[in-house]
N, C-alpha and C. Protein backbone atom coordinates (compact mmCIF):
# COMPACT_ATOMS: atom_id res chain seq x y z
N MET A 1 94.55 100.31 94.71
CA MET A 1 96.53 99.86 95.15
C MET A 1 96.17 99.65 96.59
N LYS A 2 96.66 99.01 97.04
CA LYS A 2 96.55 98.17 98.67
C LYS A 2 97.87 99.03 99.28
N TYR A 3 97.76 99.31 100.65
CA TYR A 3 98.49 100.16 101.33
C TYR A 3 98.13 99.36 103.05
N LEU A 4 99.33 99.37 103.72
CA LEU A 4 99.68 99.78 105.25
C LEU A 4 99.78 100.52 105.71
N MET A 5 98.77 100.61 106.60
CA MET A 5 98.79 102.07 107.84
C MET A 5 99.64 101.69 109.24
N MET A 6 100.18 102.18 109.42
CA MET A 6 100.66 101.57 111.06
C MET A 6 100.84 102.42 111.97
N ILE A 7 100.62 102.29 113.30
CA ILE A 7 100.16 103.25 114.29
C ILE A 7 101.30 102.87 115.61
N TYR A 8 101.95 103.45 115.90
CA TYR A 8 103.28 103.11 117.01
C TYR A 8 102.60 103.86 118.33
N GLY A 9 102.76 103.10 119.59
CA GLY A 9 102.75 103.18 120.51
C GLY A 9 103.95 103.18 121.61
N ASN A 10 103.71 103.14 122.70
CA ASN A 10 104.55 102.58 123.90
C ASN A 10 103.49 102.37 124.74
N GLN A 11 104.24 101.74 125.87
CA GLN A 11 103.53 101.15 127.40
C GLN A 11 103.43 103.07 128.06
N GLU A 12 104.47 103.79 128.39
CA GLU A 12 104.68 104.97 128.53
C GLU A 12 103.06 105.61 128.49
N LYS A 13 103.33 105.76 126.98
CA LYS A 13 101.88 106.59 126.85
C LYS A 13 100.44 106.32 127.09
N TRP A 14 100.79 104.78 127.09
CA TRP A 14 99.43 104.25 126.92
C TRP A 14 99.17 104.49 128.89
N ASP A 15 100.19 103.86 129.67
CA ASP A 15 99.85 104.16 130.68
C ASP A 15 99.07 105.53 131.47
N ALA A 16 99.20 106.78 130.75
CA ALA A 16 99.50 108.15 131.20
C ALA A 16 98.50 108.27 130.62
N PHE A 17 97.37 107.65 129.21
CA PHE A 17 96.05 108.04 129.18
C PHE A 17 94.92 108.09 130.03
N PRO A 18 94.09 108.65 130.40
CA PRO A 18 93.40 108.59 131.24
C PRO A 18 92.22 107.70 130.90
N ALA A 19 92.05 106.90 132.30
CA ALA A 19 91.26 105.48 131.97
C ALA A 19 90.06 106.00 131.13
N GLU A 20 89.06 107.34 132.19
CA GLU A 20 88.15 107.69 131.57
C GLU A 20 88.07 107.92 130.14
N GLN A 21 89.07 108.13 129.94
CA GLN A 21 88.93 108.82 128.08
C GLN A 21 88.90 107.24 127.02
N TRP A 22 89.40 106.18 127.94
CA TRP A 22 89.46 104.76 126.66
C TRP A 22 88.23 104.72 126.06
N PRO A 23 86.37 105.02 126.63
CA PRO A 23 85.86 104.34 125.93
C PRO A 23 85.69 105.45 124.84
N ASP A 24 85.62 107.11 124.86
CA ASP A 24 85.26 107.76 123.93
C ASP A 24 86.96 107.46 122.68
N ALA A 25 87.83 107.52 122.94
CA ALA A 25 89.02 107.06 122.25
C ALA A 25 88.58 105.80 121.65
N ILE A 26 88.08 104.52 121.96
CA ILE A 26 87.72 103.42 121.33
C ILE A 26 86.37 104.13 120.14
N ALA A 27 85.73 104.34 120.80
CA ALA A 27 84.29 105.06 119.95
C ALA A 27 84.90 106.06 118.54
N LYS A 28 85.72 106.60 118.91
CA LYS A 28 86.11 107.16 117.61
C LYS A 28 87.26 106.14 116.63
N GLN A 29 87.49 105.24 117.27
CA GLN A 29 88.29 104.49 116.58
C GLN A 29 87.55 103.58 115.81
N GLU A 30 86.52 103.27 116.27
CA GLU A 30 85.54 102.40 116.07
C GLU A 30 84.73 102.64 114.44
N ALA A 31 84.43 103.73 115.08
CA ALA A 31 83.74 104.99 113.68
C ALA A 31 84.28 105.11 112.90
N PHE A 32 85.48 105.50 112.83
CA PHE A 32 86.74 105.36 111.63
C PHE A 32 86.59 104.15 111.11
N ASN A 33 86.48 102.87 111.62
CA ASN A 33 86.64 101.45 111.60
C ASN A 33 85.44 101.24 110.23
N ALA A 34 84.44 101.59 110.89
CA ALA A 34 83.51 101.59 110.37
C ALA A 34 82.98 102.22 108.87
N LYS A 35 83.53 103.58 109.00
CA LYS A 35 83.38 104.70 107.90
C LYS A 35 83.97 103.99 106.31
N TYR A 36 85.48 103.37 106.70
CA TYR A 36 86.19 102.87 105.81
C TYR A 36 86.33 101.60 105.27
N ARG A 37 85.21 100.85 106.61
CA ARG A 37 85.04 99.62 105.89
C ARG A 37 83.62 98.95 104.65
N ASP A 38 82.71 100.25 105.63
CA ASP A 38 81.63 100.87 104.87
C ASP A 38 81.62 100.72 103.21
N SER A 39 83.03 101.67 102.84
CA SER A 39 83.12 102.26 101.70
C SER A 39 84.13 101.34 101.00
N GLY A 40 84.18 100.02 101.38
CA GLY A 40 85.23 99.03 100.74
C GLY A 40 86.58 99.30 101.12
N GLU A 41 87.41 100.55 101.38
CA GLU A 41 88.65 100.88 101.64
C GLU A 41 89.36 100.26 102.70
N LEU A 42 88.68 99.82 103.34
CA LEU A 42 89.49 99.30 104.76
C LEU A 42 89.27 97.97 104.75
N LEU A 43 90.27 97.21 103.81
CA LEU A 43 90.14 95.30 104.21
C LEU A 43 90.46 94.73 105.63
N GLY A 44 91.01 95.83 106.60
CA GLY A 44 91.18 95.17 107.77
C GLY A 44 91.64 96.08 108.90
N ALA A 45 91.97 95.65 110.23
CA ALA A 45 91.83 97.11 111.38
C ALA A 45 92.48 95.85 111.69
N TYR A 46 94.09 95.91 112.70
CA TYR A 46 94.25 94.49 113.79
C TYR A 46 94.92 95.99 115.02
N GLY A 47 94.80 95.09 116.20
CA GLY A 47 95.46 96.19 117.19
C GLY A 47 96.47 94.84 117.66
N LEU A 48 97.74 95.64 118.29
CA LEU A 48 98.43 94.44 118.63
C LEU A 48 98.72 94.34 120.10
N GLY A 49 99.01 93.11 120.66
CA GLY A 49 99.26 93.22 122.10
C GLY A 49 100.85 94.12 122.14
N ASP A 50 100.82 94.41 123.95
CA ASP A 50 101.88 95.05 124.38
C ASP A 50 102.74 94.77 123.80
N ALA A 51 104.31 95.09 123.73
CA ALA A 51 105.75 94.94 123.45
C ALA A 51 106.01 93.28 124.03
N VAL A 52 105.53 93.32 125.43
CA VAL A 52 106.56 92.62 126.48
C VAL A 52 105.44 91.21 125.62
N THR A 53 104.54 90.91 125.94
CA THR A 53 103.66 89.55 124.42
C THR A 53 104.44 89.20 123.59
N ALA A 54 105.50 90.26 122.67
CA ALA A 54 105.60 89.79 121.52
C ALA A 54 106.69 88.81 121.98
N ARG A 55 107.27 88.03 120.63
CA ARG A 55 107.79 86.79 120.39
C ARG A 55 108.86 86.70 119.22
N MET A 56 109.66 86.14 118.95
CA MET A 56 110.97 86.13 117.91
C MET A 56 111.10 84.81 118.21
N VAL A 57 111.08 84.55 116.78
CA VAL A 57 110.70 83.03 116.68
C VAL A 57 111.80 83.01 115.61
N ARG A 58 112.63 81.95 115.63
CA ARG A 58 114.04 81.48 114.83
C ARG A 58 114.11 80.07 114.74
N ARG A 59 114.67 79.86 112.99
CA ARG A 59 115.02 78.19 113.25
C ARG A 59 116.56 77.89 113.57
N VAL A 60 117.15 77.74 114.39
CA VAL A 60 118.54 76.48 115.03
C VAL A 60 118.46 75.81 114.33
N ASP A 61 119.14 75.18 113.77
CA ASP A 61 119.71 73.48 113.18
C ASP A 61 118.09 72.98 113.27
N GLY A 62 117.32 73.36 112.74
CA GLY A 62 115.92 72.64 112.33
C GLY A 62 115.04 72.81 113.42
N VAL A 63 115.60 73.22 114.52
CA VAL A 63 114.25 73.68 115.44
C VAL A 63 114.05 75.07 116.01
N ALA A 64 112.69 75.47 116.17
CA ALA A 64 112.11 76.50 116.51
C ALA A 64 113.40 76.59 118.25
N ALA A 65 113.56 78.34 117.96
CA ALA A 65 113.51 79.05 118.69
C ALA A 65 113.11 80.06 119.59
N VAL A 66 112.78 79.92 120.51
CA VAL A 66 111.77 81.48 120.92
C VAL A 66 112.50 82.18 121.83
N THR A 67 112.34 83.78 121.39
CA THR A 67 112.67 84.35 122.71
C THR A 67 111.71 85.92 122.52
N ASP A 68 111.88 86.12 123.93
CA ASP A 68 111.12 87.46 123.83
C ASP A 68 111.64 88.61 123.07
N GLY A 69 110.66 89.52 122.23
CA GLY A 69 110.52 90.04 121.19
C GLY A 69 110.11 91.94 121.90
N PRO A 70 109.62 92.53 121.71
CA PRO A 70 110.66 92.73 119.46
C PRO A 70 111.88 92.33 119.80
N TYR A 71 112.37 92.57 118.19
CA TYR A 71 113.68 92.40 118.02
C TYR A 71 114.76 93.62 118.37
N LEU A 72 114.02 94.97 117.83
CA LEU A 72 114.21 96.32 118.00
C LEU A 72 114.10 96.52 119.72
N GLU A 73 115.23 96.92 120.17
CA GLU A 73 115.40 97.45 121.74
C GLU A 73 115.14 98.94 121.69
N THR A 74 113.11 99.32 121.87
CA THR A 74 112.55 100.58 121.52
C THR A 74 111.54 100.61 122.45
N LYS A 75 111.37 101.71 122.69
CA LYS A 75 109.99 102.38 123.49
C LYS A 75 109.08 102.54 122.56
N GLU A 76 109.18 102.43 121.19
CA GLU A 76 108.11 102.30 120.65
C GLU A 76 108.03 101.76 119.80
N TYR A 77 106.44 100.98 119.40
CA TYR A 77 106.69 99.35 118.81
C TYR A 77 105.15 100.27 117.83
N ILE A 78 104.96 98.69 117.37
CA ILE A 78 103.69 99.20 116.79
C ILE A 78 102.73 98.78 116.87
N ALA A 79 101.32 99.31 117.50
CA ALA A 79 100.40 98.88 118.46
C ALA A 79 99.25 98.70 117.35
N SER A 80 99.44 98.72 116.11
CA SER A 80 98.32 98.40 115.65
C SER A 80 98.31 98.74 113.76
N PHE A 81 97.86 97.83 112.88
CA PHE A 81 98.10 98.18 111.40
C PHE A 81 96.42 98.14 110.91
N TYR A 82 96.14 98.84 109.68
CA TYR A 82 95.83 98.84 108.72
C TYR A 82 95.84 98.20 107.43
N LEU A 83 95.23 97.59 107.00
CA LEU A 83 95.32 97.01 105.11
C LEU A 83 93.85 97.73 104.70
N LEU A 84 94.65 98.72 103.32
CA LEU A 84 93.92 99.53 102.35
C LEU A 84 93.93 99.07 101.32
N ASP A 85 92.71 99.19 100.84
CA ASP A 85 92.34 98.46 99.34
C ASP A 85 92.02 100.28 98.60
N VAL A 86 92.93 101.30 98.07
CA VAL A 86 92.23 102.54 97.84
C VAL A 86 92.64 102.68 96.12
N GLU A 87 91.93 104.13 95.57
CA GLU A 87 91.84 104.21 94.10
C GLU A 87 93.31 104.49 93.92
N SER A 88 93.92 105.10 94.90
CA SER A 88 95.24 106.17 94.64
C SER A 88 96.44 106.44 95.94
N GLU A 89 97.56 106.97 95.93
CA GLU A 89 98.03 106.94 96.94
C GLU A 89 97.74 108.46 97.67
N GLU A 90 96.77 109.31 96.86
CA GLU A 90 96.02 110.45 97.55
C GLU A 90 95.06 110.08 98.58
N ARG A 91 94.62 109.23 98.30
CA ARG A 91 93.25 107.87 98.49
C ARG A 91 93.95 108.20 100.43
N ALA A 92 94.83 107.12 99.56
CA ALA A 92 95.31 106.86 101.04
C ALA A 92 95.98 107.92 102.08
N ARG A 93 96.40 109.01 101.86
CA ARG A 93 96.29 109.34 102.42
C ARG A 93 95.55 110.30 103.02
N GLU A 94 94.85 110.82 102.69
CA GLU A 94 93.29 111.61 102.77
C GLU A 94 93.14 110.36 104.00
N ILE A 95 92.55 109.31 104.15
CA ILE A 95 92.21 108.16 104.97
C ILE A 95 93.18 108.00 105.84
N ALA A 96 94.67 108.53 106.23
CA ALA A 96 95.27 108.31 106.90
C ALA A 96 95.49 109.81 108.09
N ALA A 97 95.12 110.71 107.06
CA ALA A 97 95.18 112.31 107.70
C ALA A 97 93.68 111.86 108.24
N ASP A 98 92.87 110.98 108.34
CA ASP A 98 91.35 111.24 108.94
C ASP A 98 91.67 110.05 110.12
N MET A 99 92.62 109.43 110.49
CA MET A 99 92.89 108.59 111.67
C MET A 99 92.89 109.31 113.31
N PRO A 100 92.01 109.01 113.93
CA PRO A 100 91.70 109.96 115.10
C PRO A 100 92.74 109.65 115.70
N PHE A 101 93.46 111.13 116.20
CA PHE A 101 94.16 111.38 116.94
C PHE A 101 95.72 111.34 116.08
N ALA A 102 95.25 110.94 114.48
CA ALA A 102 96.62 111.54 113.79
C ALA A 102 97.27 112.76 113.71
N ASP A 103 96.79 113.45 114.42
CA ASP A 103 96.49 115.29 114.77
C ASP A 103 98.17 114.93 116.21
N VAL A 104 98.05 113.82 116.97
CA VAL A 104 98.80 114.21 118.10
C VAL A 104 100.00 112.71 117.31
N ASP A 105 99.95 111.88 116.97
CA ASP A 105 100.44 110.68 116.67
C ASP A 105 100.92 110.76 115.59
N PRO A 106 102.01 110.35 114.50
CA PRO A 106 101.67 110.01 113.36
C PRO A 106 101.04 108.89 113.14
N VAL A 107 101.22 108.81 111.62
CA VAL A 107 100.44 107.48 110.91
C VAL A 107 101.31 107.12 109.44
N GLU A 108 102.34 106.29 109.44
CA GLU A 108 103.09 105.80 109.15
C GLU A 108 102.38 104.50 107.64
N LEU A 109 102.27 105.01 107.10
CA LEU A 109 101.69 104.77 105.36
C LEU A 109 102.29 103.92 104.41
N TRP A 110 102.25 102.24 103.95
CA TRP A 110 103.36 101.74 103.00
C TRP A 110 102.35 101.56 102.14
N PRO A 111 103.13 101.46 100.81
CA PRO A 111 102.76 100.74 100.01
C PRO A 111 102.78 99.59 99.76
N ILE A 112 101.73 98.77 99.56
CA ILE A 112 101.94 97.17 99.11
C ILE A 112 102.35 96.86 97.82
N LEU A 113 103.39 96.34 97.71
CA LEU A 113 104.20 96.51 96.06
C LEU A 113 104.10 94.84 95.71
N HIS A 114 103.90 93.93 96.58
CA HIS A 114 103.51 92.34 96.11
C HIS A 114 102.55 92.03 97.10
N GLU A 115 101.59 91.31 96.43
CA GLU A 115 100.73 89.90 97.44
C GLU A 115 101.01 88.92 96.85
N SER A 116 101.30 88.16 97.70
CA SER A 116 101.12 86.56 96.75
C SER A 116 99.51 85.92 96.61
N PRO A 117 99.67 85.74 95.69
CA PRO A 117 98.52 85.19 94.70
C PRO A 117 97.53 83.92 95.93
N GLN A 118 95.91 84.50 95.50
CA GLN A 118 95.50 83.75 96.76
C GLN A 118 94.85 82.24 95.88
N ALA A 119 94.90 81.43 96.64
CA ALA A 119 94.78 79.78 96.15
C ALA A 119 93.30 79.54 95.56
């Protein structure tokens, strides 16, 4: 079964995080990524740009219309996401609970119900 794990952030939180702690935080996250990549359960881990870099793209009268994003006006936004391929929901929950800082911020876990076939 495939699952999407999402981590939320906000600029206020990132700005308040002490600069000297970033290397340790990144090392912990990379160790997590390596552990589950090596087990074959982590298919991908992706950190997203700050919300100020997001764009909304729509088509209006056949032409792309691009505006600043994200769509929702909120302080919280998706900071990173992970794609898992695991044997069960229980295993996905175990991995989500092992995420560094899951004791500080929640990890959102979504089952993937449909995947477009690869060509």
